[in-house]
Amino acid sequence: MASRLIFLVATLLVPIAIGTIVEASADCKSDALDAAVFEDIDASVSLLQKSSAVHLSATNAQYSTFNTALVAAGIDINAAFAEYVAMTLFVTIGCGSAMGIANKDGSAWVLQVALTFGIAISVLAYSIGHNSGGQINCAVTFALALNGSLGWGQAFVNLIFQLLGSVTGALILSVIYPTEKDLTGNLGSNGVGEGWNHFGALIGEVVGTFVLCFTVLNTAVDTATVANRQMACLAIGLSVFLAHSVLIPIDGCSINPTRSFGPALVSAGRNKGKSDAKSTFADMWIFWLGPLTGAAIAVGVNAALN
């Protein structure tokens, strides 16, 4: 327990320290500057693009030479840190809901967990959308990079912070839940269920992620839907709920490689040396290949439609 606490504190401090260093060189934001930046941005651009423009413009005007260099490279550390915070909370809430009720008699627990993951995405996307666009999923980040709505440099930095957030969330859960109270047995890690085949699970992950990314592209990015932009996060959360409703019995539902990584890593360390412990990384390839493929297909179909 002590080692997990130390690791948790260390994992928390790294991104916080990075964020603090960046903020230390900045003056307080000017409301006038923010207003001017918003006025210069076409009202039809996506939530993600507007957010990025605001932060990069403010950063460019206020930050030190080091931070301006990051901006020149198209990288916003504030956006990445927002992704870290949201991913930490997403794993803690989503996987935590499964750990407390999974596999109980009846199927109501599937509905509860699916709703929790979906609502969590909506809440967190609304909360950090103005900072990073509210991706909270490297498959969504990948889709936005392929679509051209996000630079590849920012996408890579977001990925790193999302992975750190996933690990942090899993560490928090390992402290909250004693091993014997975890009804999933592995901090809510994903794995193909008994009686289901790997190819079927892979196709399920492709389809589930396609639904999510197709929704993101057509509600939060496409300029044709700007009038409904305020409802985007709700629609995205509902798409996550729909995917979980289908995939939880099959493989626990990932559609989010970064969400799968943290619990698998921490659970592997937690169960190390136990003869009856199942490998949490055995099916990990499915939870990366499936979602990234689904994201790429969503971008292609969206491009064809537009």
Foldseek 3Di string as FASTA:
>chain_A
DVVLVVVLVVLVVPLVVVVCVFCVQFDPFDPVLLVVQLVPDDLLFFLQLSLLSSQLSRCCVTGDPVSVVCSVVVADSQLLLLLLVLLLVLLLFLLVLCQQDPPDPDDVSLLVSLLRNLVSQLVSQVVCCSNRNSQNFLLLLLLCCVLVVGPPVHSVSSLVSSLSSLQSNLSVVCVVDPQVSGPVNQSLAWDFDPPADLVVLLQLLLVLLLLLNLLCCVARGRSVNSVNNVCSSNSNSVSSSVSSSPCCVGINDQLGLSNNNNSQVVSCVVCPPPPPDDRSCPSSVSNPNRNNNSSVVSSVVVVVVD
